[in-house]
Amino acid sequence: MSYIRCSPETHKKLKILAATRSVPMQDLIEEAAAFLLGETSPNAKEPSAAGISAIPRETLPVVEWLIGFMSRRGTPEQESLKATLKVLAAQHAAQFKRFSKQKKNAS
């Protein structure tokens, strides 16, 4: 096992994300490393270590742009778009969680 040091702010964000996704922080870190190393699956249906679909390689530039877009302050129109995207993402996450629970209960 290796240890990775990060800022307290980054650590807190990882803990929150891990709790939101109900996955261990280790899975998030491994998934992020795979993403940065270009080891994401070209098959969008193949689940990642965290149980979510992998990012298809051809969409990585879009994902990288979106991360940058979401992380900086924008115009009022851009901020409105960000708010809408966050709502849609939350709805998708809730649907995924319900589906996962149903699938788990059916097993």
N, C-alpha and C. Protein backbone atom coordinates (compact mmCIF):
# COMPACT_ATOMS: atom_id res chain seq x y z
N MET A 1 0.84 -1.17 0.00
CA MET A 1 0.00 0.00 0.00
C MET A 1 0.89 1.23 0.00
N SER A 2 0.50 2.23 -0.77
CA SER A 2 1.21 3.51 -0.82
C SER A 2 0.35 4.58 -0.19
N TYR A 3 1.01 5.60 0.29
CA TYR A 3 0.30 6.73 0.87
C TYR A 3 0.48 7.94 -0.04
N ILE A 4 -0.60 8.66 -0.24
CA ILE A 4 -0.57 9.86 -1.08
C ILE A 4 -0.95 11.04 -0.20
N ARG A 5 -0.13 12.08 -0.24
CA ARG A 5 -0.41 13.28 0.54
C ARG A 5 -1.14 14.30 -0.34
N CYS A 6 -2.10 14.96 0.26
CA CYS A 6 -2.81 16.03 -0.45
C CYS A 6 -3.16 17.10 0.56
N SER A 7 -3.59 18.24 0.06
CA SER A 7 -3.95 19.34 0.95
C SER A 7 -5.18 18.96 1.77
N PRO A 8 -5.35 19.57 2.93
CA PRO A 8 -6.55 19.30 3.73
C PRO A 8 -7.84 19.60 2.96
N GLU A 9 -7.82 20.63 2.11
CA GLU A 9 -9.01 20.97 1.33
C GLU A 9 -9.34 19.85 0.33
N THR A 10 -8.32 19.35 -0.36
CA THR A 10 -8.53 18.26 -1.32
C THR A 10 -9.00 17.01 -0.60
N HIS A 11 -8.41 16.72 0.56
CA HIS A 11 -8.81 15.54 1.34
C HIS A 11 -10.28 15.63 1.74
N LYS A 12 -10.69 16.82 2.18
CA LYS A 12 -12.09 17.01 2.57
C LYS A 12 -13.03 16.80 1.38
N LYS A 13 -12.65 17.35 0.22
CA LYS A 13 -13.48 17.17 -0.99
C LYS A 13 -13.57 15.71 -1.37
N LEU A 14 -12.47 14.97 -1.26
CA LEU A 14 -12.49 13.53 -1.57
C LEU A 14 -13.39 12.77 -0.60
N LYS A 15 -13.32 13.12 0.68
CA LYS A 15 -14.18 12.46 1.67
C LYS A 15 -15.66 12.69 1.36
N ILE A 16 -15.99 13.92 1.00
CA ILE A 16 -17.38 14.26 0.69
C ILE A 16 -17.83 13.50 -0.55
N LEU A 17 -16.98 13.49 -1.59
CA LEU A 17 -17.34 12.78 -2.82
C LEU A 17 -17.49 11.29 -2.57
N ALA A 18 -16.58 10.72 -1.78
CA ALA A 18 -16.67 9.29 -1.46
C ALA A 18 -17.96 8.98 -0.71
N ALA A 19 -18.31 9.83 0.23
CA ALA A 19 -19.55 9.62 0.98
C ALA A 19 -20.77 9.77 0.08
N THR A 20 -20.73 10.75 -0.81
CA THR A 20 -21.85 10.97 -1.74
C THR A 20 -22.05 9.76 -2.64
N ARG A 21 -20.94 9.18 -3.12
CA ARG A 21 -21.02 8.03 -4.02
C ARG A 21 -21.11 6.70 -3.28
N SER A 22 -20.97 6.73 -1.97
CA SER A 22 -20.97 5.52 -1.14
C SER A 22 -19.88 4.53 -1.58
N VAL A 23 -18.69 5.07 -1.80
CA VAL A 23 -17.54 4.24 -2.17
C VAL A 23 -16.35 4.64 -1.29
N PRO A 24 -15.39 3.74 -1.12
CA PRO A 24 -14.19 4.09 -0.35
C PRO A 24 -13.36 5.15 -1.08
N MET A 25 -12.65 5.97 -0.31
CA MET A 25 -11.79 6.98 -0.92
C MET A 25 -10.74 6.33 -1.81
N GLN A 26 -10.28 5.15 -1.44
CA GLN A 26 -9.27 4.45 -2.23
C GLN A 26 -9.77 4.23 -3.67
N ASP A 27 -11.04 3.88 -3.82
CA ASP A 27 -11.61 3.68 -5.16
C ASP A 27 -11.59 4.97 -5.97
N LEU A 28 -11.91 6.10 -5.31
CA LEU A 28 -11.89 7.39 -6.00
C LEU A 28 -10.47 7.73 -6.46
N ILE A 29 -9.51 7.51 -5.60
CA ILE A 29 -8.12 7.83 -5.93
C ILE A 29 -7.63 6.95 -7.07
N GLU A 30 -7.96 5.66 -7.03
CA GLU A 30 -7.54 4.76 -8.11
C GLU A 30 -8.21 5.13 -9.42
N GLU A 31 -9.47 5.52 -9.35
CA GLU A 31 -10.17 5.93 -10.57
C GLU A 31 -9.58 7.21 -11.14
N ALA A 32 -9.26 8.16 -10.27
CA ALA A 32 -8.65 9.41 -10.73
C ALA A 32 -7.28 9.14 -11.35
N ALA A 33 -6.51 8.26 -10.74
CA ALA A 33 -5.19 7.93 -11.30
C ALA A 33 -5.34 7.26 -12.66
N ALA A 34 -6.29 6.34 -12.78
CA ALA A 34 -6.52 5.68 -14.07
C ALA A 34 -6.93 6.70 -15.13
N PHE A 35 -7.77 7.65 -14.74
CA PHE A 35 -8.21 8.69 -15.66
C PHE A 35 -7.02 9.50 -16.15
N LEU A 36 -6.19 9.95 -15.22
CA LEU A 36 -5.03 10.77 -15.58
C LEU A 36 -4.00 10.00 -16.41
N LEU A 37 -3.91 8.72 -16.17
CA LEU A 37 -2.95 7.90 -16.91
C LEU A 37 -3.52 7.40 -18.24
N GLY A 38 -4.75 7.80 -18.54
CA GLY A 38 -5.36 7.41 -19.81
C GLY A 38 -5.80 5.96 -19.84
N GLU A 39 -6.09 5.41 -18.67
CA GLU A 39 -6.48 4.01 -18.59
C GLU A 39 -7.98 3.81 -18.48
N THR A 40 -8.74 4.81 -18.91
CA THR A 40 -10.19 4.64 -18.89
C THR A 40 -10.58 3.71 -20.01
N SER A 41 -11.68 3.07 -19.84
CA SER A 41 -12.13 2.08 -20.80
C SER A 41 -12.77 2.73 -22.02
N PRO A 42 -12.49 2.21 -23.22
CA PRO A 42 -13.20 2.72 -24.39
C PRO A 42 -14.65 2.26 -24.41
N ASN A 43 -14.99 1.31 -23.56
CA ASN A 43 -16.33 0.77 -23.49
C ASN A 43 -17.08 1.47 -22.36
N ALA A 44 -18.00 2.36 -22.71
CA ALA A 44 -18.72 3.14 -21.71
C ALA A 44 -19.60 2.29 -20.81
N LYS A 45 -19.91 1.07 -21.21
CA LYS A 45 -20.76 0.21 -20.40
C LYS A 45 -19.97 -0.53 -19.34
N GLU A 46 -18.65 -0.57 -19.46
CA GLU A 46 -17.81 -1.28 -18.50
C GLU A 46 -17.69 -0.46 -17.23
N PRO A 47 -18.10 -0.99 -16.07
CA PRO A 47 -18.04 -0.20 -14.85
C PRO A 47 -16.61 0.00 -14.37
N SER A 48 -16.40 1.12 -13.71
CA SER A 48 -15.10 1.43 -13.14
C SER A 48 -14.99 0.79 -11.77
N ALA A 49 -13.87 1.03 -11.10
CA ALA A 49 -13.66 0.50 -9.76
C ALA A 49 -14.71 1.01 -8.79
N ALA A 50 -15.18 2.23 -9.00
CA ALA A 50 -16.18 2.83 -8.11
C ALA A 50 -17.60 2.39 -8.48
N GLY A 51 -17.75 1.55 -9.50
CA GLY A 51 -19.06 1.05 -9.88
C GLY A 51 -19.81 1.93 -10.86
N ILE A 52 -19.16 2.94 -11.39
CA ILE A 52 -19.81 3.79 -12.39
C ILE A 52 -19.17 3.54 -13.74
N SER A 53 -19.88 3.87 -14.79
CA SER A 53 -19.36 3.64 -16.13
C SER A 53 -18.08 4.42 -16.35
N ALA A 54 -17.15 3.80 -17.06
CA ALA A 54 -15.88 4.46 -17.37
C ALA A 54 -16.12 5.54 -18.42
N ILE A 55 -15.23 6.49 -18.46
CA ILE A 55 -15.32 7.58 -19.42
C ILE A 55 -14.70 7.13 -20.73
N PRO A 56 -15.48 7.11 -21.81
CA PRO A 56 -14.89 6.71 -23.10
C PRO A 56 -13.75 7.65 -23.48
N ARG A 57 -12.68 7.11 -23.98
CA ARG A 57 -11.46 7.86 -24.30
C ARG A 57 -11.74 9.06 -25.20
N GLU A 58 -12.65 8.91 -26.16
CA GLU A 58 -12.90 10.01 -27.11
C GLU A 58 -13.63 11.19 -26.47
N THR A 59 -14.20 11.00 -25.27
CA THR A 59 -14.89 12.10 -24.61
C THR A 59 -14.02 12.79 -23.55
N LEU A 60 -12.80 12.33 -23.35
CA LEU A 60 -11.93 12.92 -22.33
C LEU A 60 -11.72 14.42 -22.53
N PRO A 61 -11.52 14.92 -23.77
CA PRO A 61 -11.37 16.38 -23.92
C PRO A 61 -12.62 17.15 -23.45
N VAL A 62 -13.78 16.59 -23.67
CA VAL A 62 -15.02 17.25 -23.23
C VAL A 62 -15.09 17.24 -21.71
N VAL A 63 -14.73 16.12 -21.11
CA VAL A 63 -14.75 16.02 -19.65
C VAL A 63 -13.76 17.00 -19.04
N GLU A 64 -12.57 17.08 -19.61
CA GLU A 64 -11.55 18.02 -19.11
C GLU A 64 -12.04 19.47 -19.24
N TRP A 65 -12.68 19.80 -20.36
CA TRP A 65 -13.22 21.14 -20.54
C TRP A 65 -14.29 21.42 -19.49
N LEU A 66 -15.18 20.45 -19.27
CA LEU A 66 -16.27 20.62 -18.32
C LEU A 66 -15.74 20.83 -16.91
N ILE A 67 -14.70 20.11 -16.54
CA ILE A 67 -14.10 20.29 -15.22
C ILE A 67 -13.59 21.73 -15.07
N GLY A 68 -12.89 22.22 -16.10
CA GLY A 68 -12.41 23.60 -16.08
C GLY A 68 -13.56 24.60 -16.02
N PHE A 69 -14.58 24.37 -16.82
CA PHE A 69 -15.75 25.25 -16.87
C PHE A 69 -16.43 25.33 -15.51
N MET A 70 -16.60 24.19 -14.87
CA MET A 70 -17.30 24.14 -13.59
C MET A 70 -16.46 24.71 -12.45
N SER A 71 -15.15 24.78 -12.62
CA SER A 71 -14.29 25.19 -11.51
C SER A 71 -13.96 26.68 -11.49
N ARG A 72 -14.39 27.43 -12.49
CA ARG A 72 -14.09 28.87 -12.46
C ARG A 72 -15.38 29.68 -12.56
N ARG A 73 -15.31 30.90 -12.07
CA ARG A 73 -16.46 31.80 -12.09
C ARG A 73 -16.76 32.21 -13.52
N GLY A 74 -18.03 32.27 -13.86
CA GLY A 74 -18.43 32.63 -15.21
C GLY A 74 -19.43 33.77 -15.23
N THR A 75 -19.95 34.01 -16.41
CA THR A 75 -20.99 35.03 -16.58
C THR A 75 -22.27 34.55 -15.90
N PRO A 76 -23.25 35.43 -15.70
CA PRO A 76 -24.52 34.98 -15.11
C PRO A 76 -25.15 33.83 -15.90
N GLU A 77 -25.05 33.87 -17.22
CA GLU A 77 -25.61 32.79 -18.04
C GLU A 77 -24.86 31.48 -17.80
N GLN A 78 -23.53 31.56 -17.68
CA GLN A 78 -22.73 30.37 -17.43
C GLN A 78 -23.02 29.81 -16.04
N GLU A 79 -23.19 30.68 -15.05
CA GLU A 79 -23.51 30.23 -13.70
C GLU A 79 -24.88 29.57 -13.67
N SER A 80 -25.82 30.08 -14.45
CA SER A 80 -27.14 29.46 -14.54
C SER A 80 -27.04 28.07 -15.17
N LEU A 81 -26.22 27.95 -16.21
CA LEU A 81 -26.00 26.65 -16.85
C LEU A 81 -25.36 25.67 -15.86
N LYS A 82 -24.40 26.14 -15.08
CA LYS A 82 -23.76 25.28 -14.09
C LYS A 82 -24.78 24.77 -13.08
N ALA A 83 -25.66 25.68 -12.62
CA ALA A 83 -26.69 25.28 -11.65
C ALA A 83 -27.60 24.21 -12.25
N THR A 84 -27.98 24.39 -13.50
CA THR A 84 -28.83 23.40 -14.17
C THR A 84 -28.11 22.06 -14.29
N LEU A 85 -26.83 22.09 -14.67
CA LEU A 85 -26.05 20.86 -14.80
C LEU A 85 -25.92 20.14 -13.45
N LYS A 86 -25.75 20.91 -12.37
CA LYS A 86 -25.66 20.31 -11.04
C LYS A 86 -26.96 19.62 -10.65
N VAL A 87 -28.10 20.25 -10.98
CA VAL A 87 -29.40 19.64 -10.68
C VAL A 87 -29.56 18.35 -11.47
N LEU A 88 -29.23 18.39 -12.75
CA LEU A 88 -29.33 17.19 -13.59
C LEU A 88 -28.41 16.07 -13.08
N ALA A 89 -27.21 16.44 -12.67
CA ALA A 89 -26.27 15.44 -12.14
C ALA A 89 -26.80 14.82 -10.85
N ALA A 90 -27.39 15.65 -9.99
CA ALA A 90 -27.96 15.13 -8.74
C ALA A 90 -29.12 14.19 -9.02
N GLN A 91 -29.96 14.53 -9.99
CA GLN A 91 -31.08 13.66 -10.35
C GLN A 91 -30.56 12.33 -10.90
N HIS A 92 -29.53 12.39 -11.74
CA HIS A 92 -28.95 11.17 -12.29
C HIS A 92 -28.35 10.31 -11.18
N ALA A 93 -27.64 10.94 -10.25
CA ALA A 93 -27.03 10.20 -9.14
C ALA A 93 -28.10 9.52 -8.29
N ALA A 94 -29.20 10.22 -8.05
CA ALA A 94 -30.30 9.65 -7.26
C ALA A 94 -30.91 8.46 -7.98
N GLN A 95 -31.10 8.57 -9.30
CA GLN A 95 -31.64 7.45 -10.08
C GLN A 95 -30.69 6.27 -10.04
N PHE A 96 -29.40 6.53 -10.19
CA PHE A 96 -28.40 5.47 -10.17
C PHE A 96 -28.41 4.77 -8.82
N LYS A 97 -28.51 5.55 -7.74
CA LYS A 97 -28.53 4.98 -6.40
C LYS A 97 -29.76 4.11 -6.19
N ARG A 98 -30.93 4.58 -6.64
CA ARG A 98 -32.16 3.79 -6.53
C ARG A 98 -32.04 2.50 -7.33
N PHE A 99 -31.50 2.59 -8.54
CA PHE A 99 -31.34 1.42 -9.38
C PHE A 99 -30.38 0.42 -8.73
N SER A 100 -29.30 0.92 -8.16
CA SER A 100 -28.32 0.05 -7.50
C SER A 100 -28.94 -0.66 -6.31
N LYS A 101 -29.77 0.06 -5.54
CA LYS A 101 -30.45 -0.55 -4.40
C LYS A 101 -31.41 -1.62 -4.84
N GLN A 102 -32.18 -1.34 -5.91
CA GLN A 102 -33.12 -2.32 -6.42
C GLN A 102 -32.39 -3.56 -6.90
N LYS A 103 -31.29 -3.36 -7.59
CA LYS A 103 -30.50 -4.47 -8.11
C LYS A 103 -29.92 -5.29 -6.96
N LYS A 104 -29.46 -4.61 -5.90
CA LYS A 104 -28.88 -5.27 -4.76
C LYS A 104 -29.95 -6.08 -4.01
N ASN A 105 -31.14 -5.50 -3.87
CA ASN A 105 -32.23 -6.18 -3.17
C ASN A 105 -32.75 -7.38 -3.96
N ALA A 106 -32.63 -7.33 -5.27
CA ALA A 106 -33.11 -8.43 -6.12
C ALA A 106 -32.16 -9.64 -6.05
N SER A 107 -30.92 -9.39 -5.66
CA SER A 107 -29.92 -10.47 -5.60
C SER A 107 -30.11 -11.38 -4.43
